N, C-alpha and C. Protein backbone atom coordinates (compact mmCIF):
# COMPACT_ATOMS: atom_id res chain seq x y z
N UNK A 1 0.85 -1.24 -0.38
CA UNK A 1 0.42 -0.24 0.31
C UNK A 1 0.65 1.42 -0.27
N UNK A 2 0.56 2.32 -0.29
CA UNK A 2 1.27 3.54 -0.10
C UNK A 2 0.75 4.42 0.05
N UNK A 3 1.35 5.52 0.77
CA UNK A 3 0.64 5.83 1.72
C UNK A 3 -0.32 7.07 1.34
N UNK A 4 -1.59 7.79 1.10
CA UNK A 4 -2.54 7.98 0.47
C UNK A 4 -3.28 6.56 0.02
N UNK A 5 -2.95 5.76 0.15
CA UNK A 5 -4.40 4.23 0.45
C UNK A 5 -4.81 2.88 -0.56
N UNK A 6 -3.92 4.25 -1.61
CA UNK A 6 -4.11 3.28 -3.01
C UNK A 6 -3.20 2.17 -2.71
N UNK A 7 -3.26 1.44 -4.31
CA UNK A 7 -2.32 -0.45 -4.02
C UNK A 7 -1.38 0.26 -5.17
N UNK A 8 -0.53 0.31 -4.95
CA UNK A 8 0.54 0.10 -5.94
C UNK A 8 1.14 -0.48 -7.42
N UNK A 9 1.00 -0.01 -7.80
CA UNK A 9 1.04 -1.42 -9.02
C UNK A 9 1.94 -1.61 -9.64
N UNK A 10 2.97 -1.49 -8.39
CA UNK A 10 4.65 -2.08 -9.01
C UNK A 10 4.37 -3.37 -8.48
N UNK A 11 4.80 -4.26 -9.67
CA UNK A 11 5.04 -5.93 -9.18
C UNK A 11 5.40 -5.61 -7.46
N UNK A 12 5.53 -6.22 -6.82
CA UNK A 12 5.96 -7.54 -5.57
C UNK A 12 6.15 -8.14 -5.27
N UNK A 13 7.52 -8.66 -5.41
CA UNK A 13 8.46 -10.10 -6.01
C UNK A 13 8.18 -11.43 -4.30
N UNK A 14 7.30 -10.37 -3.20
CA UNK A 14 6.90 -11.32 -2.05
C UNK A 14 5.14 -11.24 -2.06
N UNK A 15 5.03 -10.39 -3.08
CA UNK A 15 3.39 -10.78 -2.90
C UNK A 15 2.79 -12.63 -3.72
N UNK A 16 4.04 -13.00 -4.43
CA UNK A 16 3.42 -14.26 -5.54
C UNK A 16 4.26 -15.22 -5.09
N UNK A 17 4.10 -14.96 -3.89
CA UNK A 17 4.87 -16.86 -2.90
C UNK A 17 3.99 -16.44 -1.36
N UNK A 18 3.71 -18.06 -1.21
CA UNK A 18 3.19 -17.70 -0.43
C UNK A 18 3.97 -17.92 1.64
N UNK A 19 3.35 -18.73 1.96
CA UNK A 19 4.61 -18.92 3.24
C UNK A 19 5.23 -19.54 3.56
N UNK A 20 6.05 -20.12 3.08
CA UNK A 20 6.12 -21.13 2.94
C UNK A 20 8.13 -21.09 2.04
N UNK A 21 7.33 -20.08 1.58
CA UNK A 21 8.45 -19.72 0.31
C UNK A 21 8.83 -19.92 -1.00
N UNK A 22 7.74 -20.95 -1.33
CA UNK A 22 7.31 -21.09 -2.22
C UNK A 22 6.51 -20.50 -3.51
N UNK A 23 6.41 -20.50 -4.89
CA UNK A 23 5.13 -19.06 -5.48
C UNK A 23 4.18 -20.24 -5.60
N UNK A 24 3.16 -18.50 -4.91
CA UNK A 24 2.11 -19.43 -5.53
C UNK A 24 1.72 -19.79 -7.14
N UNK A 25 0.91 -20.87 -6.92
CA UNK A 25 0.74 -21.40 -8.35
C UNK A 25 -0.46 -20.68 -8.82
N UNK A 26 -0.94 -20.91 -10.62
CA UNK A 26 -1.43 -19.75 -11.52
C UNK A 26 -3.03 -19.24 -10.97
N UNK A 27 -3.56 -20.57 -10.97
CA UNK A 27 -4.97 -20.74 -10.28
C UNK A 27 -5.13 -20.45 -9.60
N UNK A 28 -4.25 -19.81 -7.76
CA UNK A 28 -4.62 -19.68 -6.74
C UNK A 28 -4.55 -17.34 -7.26
N UNK A 29 -3.40 -17.34 -8.33
CA UNK A 29 -2.62 -15.47 -8.52
C UNK A 29 -3.94 -15.90 -8.97
N UNK A 30 -4.66 -16.19 -10.62
CA UNK A 30 -6.30 -16.39 -11.28
C UNK A 30 -7.04 -15.74 -9.47
N UNK A 31 -7.43 -16.71 -9.04
CA UNK A 31 -8.69 -16.24 -8.14
C UNK A 31 -8.35 -15.13 -7.03
N UNK A 32 -7.00 -14.99 -7.38
CA UNK A 32 -6.98 -13.85 -6.37
C UNK A 32 -6.64 -12.75 -7.40
N UNK A 33 -7.12 -11.82 -8.49
CA UNK A 33 -6.95 -11.21 -9.18
C UNK A 33 -8.03 -11.20 -9.39
N UNK A 34 -9.17 -11.65 -10.09
CA UNK A 34 -11.38 -11.87 -10.03
C UNK A 34 -11.79 -11.23 -8.53
N UNK A 35 -10.98 -11.72 -7.88
CA UNK A 35 -11.40 -11.01 -6.04
C UNK A 35 -11.46 -9.98 -6.37
N UNK A 36 -9.86 -9.39 -6.90
CA UNK A 36 -9.59 -7.43 -6.94
C UNK A 36 -10.61 -7.03 -7.87
N UNK A 37 -11.23 -8.04 -8.59
CA UNK A 37 -11.13 -6.96 -9.74
C UNK A 37 -12.38 -7.34 -9.52
N UNK A 38 -13.54 -8.66 -9.34
CA UNK A 38 -15.38 -8.23 -8.44
C UNK A 38 -15.00 -6.97 -7.22
N UNK A 39 -14.06 -7.13 -6.44
CA UNK A 39 -14.20 -5.63 -5.81
C UNK A 39 -14.15 -4.74 -5.99
N UNK A 40 -13.34 -4.23 -7.00
CA UNK A 40 -13.13 -2.95 -7.91
C UNK A 40 -14.83 -1.94 -8.51
N UNK A 41 -15.27 -3.44 -9.06
CA UNK A 41 -16.46 -3.27 -10.08
C UNK A 41 -17.44 -3.15 -9.16
N UNK A 42 -17.99 -3.76 -7.68
CA UNK A 42 -18.98 -3.48 -7.53
C UNK A 42 -18.37 -2.21 -5.70
N UNK A 43 -17.19 -1.89 -6.33
CA UNK A 43 -16.87 -0.75 -5.33
C UNK A 43 -17.78 0.42 -6.42
N UNK A 44 -17.47 0.90 -7.46
CA UNK A 44 -17.64 1.08 -8.68
C UNK A 44 -19.19 1.25 -8.56
N UNK A 45 -20.01 0.05 -8.88
CA UNK A 45 -21.17 0.04 -8.74
C UNK A 45 -22.06 0.78 -7.49
N UNK A 46 -21.49 1.11 -6.40
CA UNK A 46 -21.73 1.93 -5.27
C UNK A 46 -22.65 2.99 -5.99
N UNK A 47 -23.71 3.36 -5.89
CA UNK A 47 -24.08 4.66 -5.15
C UNK A 47 -22.72 5.91 -4.45
N UNK A 48 -22.98 6.87 -4.57
CA UNK A 48 -21.94 7.34 -3.48
C UNK A 48 -22.19 9.04 -4.14
N UNK A 49 -21.96 10.11 -3.14
CA UNK A 49 -22.10 10.69 -3.17
C UNK A 49 -21.29 12.00 -5.48
N UNK A 50 -19.94 11.12 -5.89
CA UNK A 50 -19.57 11.62 -6.15
C UNK A 50 -20.78 11.33 -8.34
N UNK A 51 -21.61 10.27 -8.18
CA UNK A 51 -21.87 9.82 -8.97
C UNK A 51 -23.92 10.46 -8.45
N UNK A 52 -23.69 11.44 -7.63
CA UNK A 52 -25.24 12.35 -7.46
C UNK A 52 -24.80 13.54 -7.95
N UNK A 53 -25.73 15.08 -8.22
CA UNK A 53 -26.22 15.99 -8.47
C UNK A 53 -24.78 16.47 -7.49
N UNK A 54 -23.47 15.96 -7.37
CA UNK A 54 -22.99 16.92 -5.98
C UNK A 54 -22.37 18.53 -7.49
N UNK A 55 -22.80 18.87 -8.80
CA UNK A 55 -22.26 19.80 -9.13
C UNK A 55 -23.78 20.61 -8.52
N UNK A 56 -24.87 20.40 -8.44
CA UNK A 56 -26.10 20.88 -8.27
C UNK A 56 -26.98 20.91 -6.02
N UNK A 57 -26.04 20.45 -5.99
CA UNK A 57 -25.62 20.01 -4.93
C UNK A 57 -24.54 21.72 -4.20
N UNK A 58 -23.74 21.15 -4.88
CA UNK A 58 -22.76 22.21 -4.29
C UNK A 58 -23.15 23.75 -4.97
N UNK A 59 -23.82 23.93 -6.11
CA UNK A 59 -24.91 25.10 -5.96
C UNK A 59 -25.77 25.41 -5.67
N UNK A 60 -25.94 24.49 -4.51
CA UNK A 60 -27.95 24.57 -4.14
C UNK A 60 -27.10 25.23 -2.71
N UNK A 61 -25.96 24.95 -2.09
CA UNK A 61 -25.12 25.33 -0.77
C UNK A 61 -24.82 26.47 -0.93
N UNK A 62 -24.33 27.38 -2.14
CA UNK A 62 -23.47 28.26 -2.31
C UNK A 62 -24.40 29.39 -2.89
N UNK A 63 -25.93 29.30 -3.07
CA UNK A 63 -26.88 29.94 -4.03
C UNK A 63 -26.77 31.52 -3.38
N UNK A 64 -26.33 31.44 -1.75
CA UNK A 64 -26.49 32.94 -1.64
C UNK A 64 -25.27 34.07 -1.97
N UNK A 65 -24.17 32.97 -2.85
CA UNK A 65 -23.21 33.77 -3.75
C UNK A 65 -23.13 33.60 -5.73
N UNK A 66 -24.16 33.29 -6.02
CA UNK A 66 -24.33 33.07 -7.14
C UNK A 66 -25.73 34.45 -7.51
N UNK A 67 -25.69 34.48 -8.47
CA UNK A 67 -26.63 35.22 -8.80
C UNK A 67 -28.49 34.24 -9.54
N UNK A 68 -29.02 34.70 -9.57
CA UNK A 68 -30.52 33.60 -9.57
C UNK A 68 -30.18 33.00 -10.86
N UNK A 69 -29.93 32.41 -10.86
CA UNK A 69 -30.09 31.07 -11.67
C UNK A 69 -29.04 31.05 -12.72
N UNK A 70 -28.23 29.65 -11.95
CA UNK A 70 -26.69 29.95 -13.00
C UNK A 70 -26.47 29.25 -13.29
N UNK A 71 -25.37 29.17 -15.01
CA UNK A 71 -25.54 27.64 -15.27
C UNK A 71 -24.02 27.93 -15.54
N UNK A 72 -23.22 26.23 -15.06
CA UNK A 72 -21.16 26.58 -14.29
C UNK A 72 -20.99 25.55 -15.38
N UNK A 73 -19.86 25.65 -15.79
CA UNK A 73 -19.02 23.98 -16.05
C UNK A 73 -17.63 24.60 -16.15
N UNK A 74 -17.35 23.15 -16.48
CA UNK A 74 -15.30 23.23 -15.64
C UNK A 74 -14.92 21.91 -16.56
N UNK A 75 -13.76 22.33 -16.28
CA UNK A 75 -13.01 20.82 -16.25
C UNK A 75 -11.33 20.94 -16.60
N UNK A 76 -10.96 20.31 -16.45
CA UNK A 76 -9.68 19.72 -15.79
C UNK A 76 -8.72 17.76 -16.57
N UNK A 77 -7.90 19.00 -17.50
CA UNK A 77 -8.14 17.55 -18.30
C UNK A 77 -5.82 18.22 -19.09
N UNK A 78 -5.58 17.28 -19.37
CA UNK A 78 -4.51 16.89 -19.96
C UNK A 78 -4.72 16.83 -21.38
N UNK A 79 -4.51 17.92 -22.82
CA UNK A 79 -4.51 17.44 -24.20
C UNK A 79 -3.50 18.27 -24.11
N UNK A 80 -3.33 18.08 -25.82
CA UNK A 80 -2.40 18.41 -26.30
C UNK A 80 -1.01 19.38 -26.26
N UNK A 81 -0.60 18.26 -25.39
CA UNK A 81 0.55 18.36 -24.78
C UNK A 81 0.88 19.26 -23.07
N UNK A 82 -0.10 20.35 -23.41
CA UNK A 82 -1.18 21.13 -21.48
C UNK A 82 -1.34 20.27 -20.96
N UNK A 83 -2.03 20.64 -20.27
CA UNK A 83 -2.88 21.36 -18.50
C UNK A 83 -3.91 22.25 -19.12
N UNK A 84 -4.84 21.88 -18.99
CA UNK A 84 -6.21 22.62 -18.62
C UNK A 84 -7.13 22.52 -17.66
N UNK A 85 -6.77 23.01 -16.90
CA UNK A 85 -7.82 24.01 -15.95
C UNK A 85 -8.80 24.87 -16.19
N UNK A 86 -10.68 24.96 -16.08
CA UNK A 86 -11.13 25.53 -17.00
C UNK A 86 -12.23 25.87 -15.39
N UNK A 87 -12.74 26.90 -15.85
CA UNK A 87 -14.70 26.99 -15.28
C UNK A 87 -15.03 27.88 -15.56
N UNK A 88 -16.04 28.10 -15.83
CA UNK A 88 -16.83 29.17 -16.08
C UNK A 88 -19.23 29.04 -15.87
N UNK A 89 -19.00 30.37 -15.63
CA UNK A 89 -19.95 30.49 -15.14
C UNK A 89 -20.74 32.00 -15.95
N UNK A 90 -22.26 32.05 -15.93
CA UNK A 90 -23.37 32.90 -15.85
C UNK A 90 -24.65 32.88 -15.40
N UNK A 91 -24.97 34.15 -14.98
CA UNK A 91 -26.04 33.93 -15.08
C UNK A 91 -27.22 33.92 -15.57
N UNK A 92 -28.98 33.23 -15.62
CA UNK A 92 -29.85 32.99 -16.66
C UNK A 92 -29.82 34.23 -17.40
N UNK A 93 -29.69 35.77 -16.39
CA UNK A 93 -29.86 36.53 -17.69
C UNK A 93 -29.36 37.19 -18.42
N UNK A 94 -28.15 36.80 -18.46
CA UNK A 94 -27.37 37.01 -19.44
C UNK A 94 -27.33 35.62 -20.90
N UNK A 95 -27.16 34.86 -20.32
CA UNK A 95 -27.05 33.67 -20.93
C UNK A 95 -28.62 34.17 -21.76
N UNK A 96 -29.51 34.01 -21.72
CA UNK A 96 -30.90 34.43 -23.02
C UNK A 96 -31.02 35.34 -23.35
N UNK A 97 -29.81 36.42 -23.40
CA UNK A 97 -29.54 38.16 -24.55
C UNK A 97 -29.29 37.65 -25.58
N UNK A 98 -30.13 38.32 -25.59
CA UNK A 98 -30.48 38.12 -28.27
C UNK A 98 -29.02 38.55 -28.33
N UNK A 99 -28.53 40.00 -28.35
CA UNK A 99 -27.60 40.02 -28.32
C UNK A 99 -26.17 38.84 -27.98
N UNK A 100 -26.14 37.89 -27.21
CA UNK A 100 -25.40 37.07 -26.45
C UNK A 100 -25.72 35.98 -27.21
N UNK A 101 -27.06 35.49 -28.02
CA UNK A 101 -26.95 34.58 -28.24
C UNK A 101 -26.14 34.90 -29.90
N UNK A 102 -26.46 35.83 -30.53
CA UNK A 102 -25.28 36.39 -31.46
C UNK A 102 -24.64 35.65 -31.93
N UNK A 103 -23.81 35.95 -31.03
CA UNK A 103 -22.00 36.11 -30.44
C UNK A 103 -21.93 35.05 -30.70
N UNK A 104 -22.97 34.09 -29.90
CA UNK A 104 -22.56 32.79 -29.68
C UNK A 104 -23.23 31.37 -30.82
N UNK A 105 -24.05 31.90 -30.94
CA UNK A 105 -24.44 31.51 -33.01
C UNK A 105 -22.90 31.15 -33.68
N UNK A 106 -22.89 32.09 -33.97
CA UNK A 106 -21.40 32.60 -34.28
C UNK A 106 -20.23 32.09 -33.96
N UNK A 107 -20.48 31.66 -33.07
CA UNK A 107 -19.07 30.80 -32.28
C UNK A 107 -19.39 29.67 -33.49
N UNK A 108 -20.23 29.02 -33.38
CA UNK A 108 -21.35 27.57 -32.71
C UNK A 108 -21.50 27.19 -34.35
N UNK A 109 -21.00 27.83 -34.71
CA UNK A 109 -21.86 27.96 -36.47
C UNK A 109 -20.14 27.82 -37.37
N UNK A 110 -18.82 28.39 -36.78
CA UNK A 110 -17.87 27.95 -36.90
C UNK A 110 -17.34 26.12 -35.87
N UNK A 111 -18.18 26.00 -35.71
CA UNK A 111 -18.25 24.52 -35.64
C UNK A 111 -19.30 23.72 -36.57
N UNK A 112 -19.54 23.80 -36.75
CA UNK A 112 -20.75 22.70 -37.84
C UNK A 112 -20.27 22.68 -38.79
N UNK A 113 -18.85 22.86 -39.20
CA UNK A 113 -18.20 21.36 -39.90
C UNK A 113 -17.81 20.44 -39.44
N UNK A 114 -18.34 19.12 -40.24
CA UNK A 114 -16.81 18.30 -40.01
C UNK A 114 -15.90 17.95 -40.14
N UNK A 115 -15.18 18.78 -41.38
CA UNK A 115 -13.85 19.11 -41.71
C UNK A 115 -13.56 19.97 -40.04
N UNK A 116 -14.04 20.83 -39.79
CA UNK A 116 -13.31 21.80 -38.63
C UNK A 116 -13.26 20.58 -37.63
N UNK A 117 -14.41 20.06 -37.31
CA UNK A 117 -14.73 19.18 -36.07
C UNK A 117 -13.04 18.10 -36.31
N UNK A 118 -13.28 18.07 -37.87
CA UNK A 118 -11.78 16.43 -37.90
C UNK A 118 -10.38 18.07 -37.35
N UNK A 119 -11.24 18.58 -37.86
CA UNK A 119 -9.33 20.04 -37.18
C UNK A 119 -8.92 19.74 -35.74
N UNK A 120 -10.83 20.00 -35.05
CA UNK A 120 -9.93 20.27 -33.83
C UNK A 120 -10.54 19.17 -33.14
N UNK A 121 -9.96 18.23 -33.28
CA UNK A 121 -10.17 16.68 -32.81
C UNK A 121 -8.42 17.37 -32.38
N UNK A 122 -8.40 16.40 -34.07
CA UNK A 122 -7.23 16.49 -34.21
C UNK A 122 -5.79 17.87 -33.34
N UNK A 123 -6.72 18.90 -33.08
CA UNK A 123 -5.38 19.87 -31.96
C UNK A 123 -5.91 19.61 -31.04
N UNK A 124 -6.47 18.96 -30.67
CA UNK A 124 -6.84 18.00 -29.11
C UNK A 124 -5.50 17.71 -29.14
N UNK A 125 -4.94 16.43 -30.04
CA UNK A 125 -3.86 15.47 -28.65
C UNK A 125 -2.35 15.76 -29.85
N UNK A 126 -2.15 17.49 -30.78
CA UNK A 126 -1.39 18.19 -30.94
C UNK A 126 -1.75 19.78 -31.25
N UNK A 127 -0.47 20.52 -31.81
CA UNK A 127 -0.58 21.74 -31.83
C UNK A 127 -0.13 20.94 -33.90
N UNK A 128 -0.22 22.12 -34.60
CA UNK A 128 -0.08 20.81 -36.40
C UNK A 128 0.20 22.45 -36.72
N UNK A 129 0.74 22.26 -38.13
CA UNK A 129 0.82 22.89 -39.32
C UNK A 129 0.25 22.80 -40.81
N UNK A 130 -0.22 23.11 -41.97
CA UNK A 130 -1.57 22.77 -42.27
C UNK A 130 -0.32 22.70 -42.56
N UNK A 131 0.43 21.98 -43.07
CA UNK A 131 1.39 20.46 -44.21
C UNK A 131 1.18 19.36 -43.29
N UNK A 132 0.90 19.19 -41.44
CA UNK A 132 0.25 18.40 -41.11
C UNK A 132 -1.11 17.43 -41.40
N UNK A 133 -1.85 19.08 -41.29
CA UNK A 133 -3.66 17.51 -41.69
C UNK A 133 -3.50 18.14 -42.94
N UNK A 134 -2.98 18.61 -43.57
CA UNK A 134 -2.82 17.45 -45.78
C UNK A 134 -2.04 16.15 -45.86
N UNK A 135 -1.46 15.78 -44.99
CA UNK A 135 -0.64 14.77 -45.37
C UNK A 135 -1.06 13.50 -44.13
N UNK A 136 -2.18 14.42 -42.81
CA UNK A 136 -2.85 12.92 -42.42
C UNK A 136 -4.51 13.63 -42.92
N UNK A 137 -4.26 13.93 -44.15
CA UNK A 137 -5.65 13.82 -45.02
C UNK A 137 -7.12 14.12 -44.84
N UNK A 138 -7.08 15.17 -43.60
CA UNK A 138 -7.65 15.43 -43.05
C UNK A 138 -8.13 16.49 -43.46
N UNK A 139 -7.17 17.20 -44.74
CA UNK A 139 -8.02 18.58 -46.24
C UNK A 139 -7.85 18.28 -46.97
N UNK A 140 -7.91 18.65 -48.47
CA UNK A 140 -7.20 18.42 -49.60
C UNK A 140 -6.31 19.38 -50.41
N UNK A 141 -6.48 20.61 -49.63
CA UNK A 141 -5.49 21.04 -50.03
C UNK A 141 -4.72 22.62 -49.70
N UNK A 142 -3.82 23.08 -49.20
CA UNK A 142 -3.64 24.56 -48.80
C UNK A 142 -5.19 25.78 -48.90
N UNK A 143 -5.98 25.15 -50.05
CA UNK A 143 -6.73 26.05 -49.82
C UNK A 143 -7.83 26.00 -48.83
N UNK A 144 -8.37 24.39 -48.69
CA UNK A 144 -9.09 24.76 -47.95
C UNK A 144 -9.24 24.44 -46.76
N UNK A 145 -7.37 23.51 -46.30
CA UNK A 145 -7.02 24.21 -44.91
C UNK A 145 -7.01 25.64 -44.25
N UNK A 146 -7.10 27.12 -44.79
CA UNK A 146 -7.07 27.55 -45.08
C UNK A 146 -8.12 28.37 -44.43
N UNK A 147 -8.98 27.96 -45.93
CA UNK A 147 -10.63 28.26 -45.11
C UNK A 147 -11.43 27.80 -43.74
N UNK A 148 -10.66 26.40 -43.65
CA UNK A 148 -11.32 26.01 -42.51
C UNK A 148 -10.74 27.26 -41.32
N UNK A 149 -9.14 27.21 -40.74
CA UNK A 149 -8.96 27.62 -40.35
C UNK A 149 -8.35 29.44 -40.06
N UNK A 150 -9.12 30.01 -41.18
CA UNK A 150 -9.53 30.52 -40.81
C UNK A 150 -10.57 31.12 -40.46
N UNK A 151 -12.06 30.58 -40.54
CA UNK A 151 -13.42 30.27 -39.78
C UNK A 151 -12.84 29.90 -38.75
N UNK A 152 -12.30 28.95 -38.12
CA UNK A 152 -12.36 28.56 -36.49
C UNK A 152 -11.44 29.47 -36.30
N UNK A 153 -10.77 30.61 -36.75
CA UNK A 153 -9.72 31.63 -36.03
C UNK A 153 -10.39 32.64 -35.61
N UNK A 154 -11.11 32.95 -36.36
CA UNK A 154 -12.23 34.13 -36.16
C UNK A 154 -13.21 34.00 -35.28
N UNK A 155 -13.45 32.94 -35.43
CA UNK A 155 -14.77 32.66 -34.13
C UNK A 155 -13.96 32.36 -32.90
N UNK A 156 -12.19 32.30 -32.99
CA UNK A 156 -12.06 32.27 -31.67
C UNK A 156 -11.43 31.21 -30.88
N UNK A 157 -12.15 30.15 -31.66
CA UNK A 157 -11.77 28.15 -31.26
C UNK A 157 -10.18 28.29 -31.78
N UNK A 158 -9.28 28.44 -32.10
CA UNK A 158 -7.98 28.39 -32.78
C UNK A 158 -6.90 29.64 -32.70
N UNK A 159 -5.97 29.67 -32.37
CA UNK A 159 -4.87 30.54 -32.58
C UNK A 159 -3.75 29.67 -33.45
N UNK A 160 -3.11 30.99 -33.84
CA UNK A 160 -1.92 30.40 -35.08
C UNK A 160 -0.89 30.93 -34.34
N UNK A 161 0.36 30.21 -34.23
CA UNK A 161 2.10 31.08 -33.24
C UNK A 161 2.50 31.19 -34.81
N UNK A 162 3.59 32.27 -34.11
CA UNK A 162 4.34 32.90 -35.06
C UNK A 162 5.17 32.37 -35.57
N UNK A 163 5.49 30.46 -35.80
CA UNK A 163 6.01 29.54 -36.55
C UNK A 163 4.80 28.84 -37.08
N UNK A 164 3.84 28.96 -37.98
CA UNK A 164 2.39 28.76 -38.73
C UNK A 164 2.18 27.80 -38.13
N UNK A 165 2.09 27.47 -36.89
CA UNK A 165 1.22 26.06 -36.46
C UNK A 165 0.43 26.26 -35.09
N UNK A 166 -0.78 25.55 -35.64
CA UNK A 166 -1.74 26.20 -35.12
C UNK A 166 -2.50 25.15 -34.04
N UNK A 167 -3.32 25.61 -32.52
CA UNK A 167 -3.77 25.12 -31.67
C UNK A 167 -5.61 25.69 -31.16
N UNK A 168 -5.77 25.53 -30.53
CA UNK A 168 -6.98 25.14 -30.26
C UNK A 168 -6.18 26.52 -28.64
N UNK A 169 -7.13 27.58 -29.18
CA UNK A 169 -6.55 28.65 -28.20
C UNK A 169 -6.93 27.39 -26.89
N UNK A 170 -5.77 28.37 -25.58
CA UNK A 170 -5.79 27.69 -23.58
C UNK A 170 -7.84 27.94 -23.33
N UNK A 171 -7.99 29.17 -23.00
CA UNK A 171 -8.84 28.89 -22.89
C UNK A 171 -10.14 28.62 -23.54
N UNK A 172 -10.65 27.97 -24.75
CA UNK A 172 -10.97 27.33 -25.62
C UNK A 172 -11.11 25.82 -25.31
N UNK A 173 -10.84 25.22 -25.10
CA UNK A 173 -10.25 23.56 -24.69
C UNK A 173 -10.94 22.92 -24.01
N UNK A 174 -11.35 23.72 -22.35
CA UNK A 174 -13.14 23.44 -21.69
C UNK A 174 -14.53 23.68 -22.35
N UNK A 175 -14.34 24.60 -22.41
CA UNK A 175 -15.84 24.95 -23.46
C UNK A 175 -15.47 23.69 -24.67
N UNK A 176 -15.29 24.14 -25.68
CA UNK A 176 -14.75 23.15 -26.23
C UNK A 176 -15.45 21.83 -25.76
N UNK A 177 -14.62 20.79 -24.98
CA UNK A 177 -15.13 19.84 -24.90
C UNK A 177 -16.50 19.30 -23.84
N UNK A 178 -16.69 20.82 -23.29
CA UNK A 178 -18.56 21.30 -23.33
C UNK A 178 -19.34 21.37 -23.85
N UNK A 179 -19.25 22.23 -24.53
CA UNK A 179 -20.10 21.78 -25.97
C UNK A 179 -20.42 20.53 -27.09
N UNK A 180 -19.41 19.32 -26.89
CA UNK A 180 -18.90 18.19 -27.34
C UNK A 180 -19.68 17.64 -26.86
N UNK A 181 -20.41 17.60 -24.86
CA UNK A 181 -20.38 16.74 -24.38
C UNK A 181 -22.07 16.83 -23.69
N UNK A 182 -22.52 18.74 -23.85
CA UNK A 182 -23.69 19.05 -23.51
C UNK A 182 -24.22 18.31 -25.10
N UNK A 183 -23.41 18.73 -27.01
CA UNK A 183 -24.93 17.52 -27.29
C UNK A 183 -24.52 16.42 -27.78
N UNK A 184 -24.38 15.54 -26.39
CA UNK A 184 -24.09 14.19 -25.96
C UNK A 184 -25.51 13.51 -25.94
N UNK A 185 -26.52 12.96 -26.33
CA UNK A 185 -27.83 12.34 -26.50
C UNK A 185 -28.42 11.50 -24.45
N UNK A 186 -28.94 12.89 -23.62
CA UNK A 186 -28.54 12.41 -22.28
C UNK A 186 -29.87 11.56 -22.35
């Protein structure tokens, strides 16, 4: 066991021996592994606070600190060679404003093309140059690449470095994945 209570994944040569110092048989080791897997599966299926509405519960506890009616999203992940932690909160009255919707739909329109989706999915792995996108057959030509990259850039989804490399703007990684998650069939 490690200090934090999690089991180490480092093999322990003494673990595979019985009290007389002989190696434990394959069947006994397999039975032990099956028992550990079953315990892990059972623990994962038990209801817990993490499986409930923990975000909503937290919002209810902090209701006096937030505007009436709020939408909040956030995330913490490693992607495209970096670590991203992000959260965003908006009151409902801001989200339902006509100007806000017009601006948001312009940004969403830039996403609504399969080639742009493929480019963004690729950029989540690592930054890329136009030549990379062509070599990986995400686009068919330089002009097609620039057409889609310009649309994504103008909408604020990606940025270009001085060396001609494109990447997802750091403040857009979590929002992009939130949009993908929110569009799942719930």
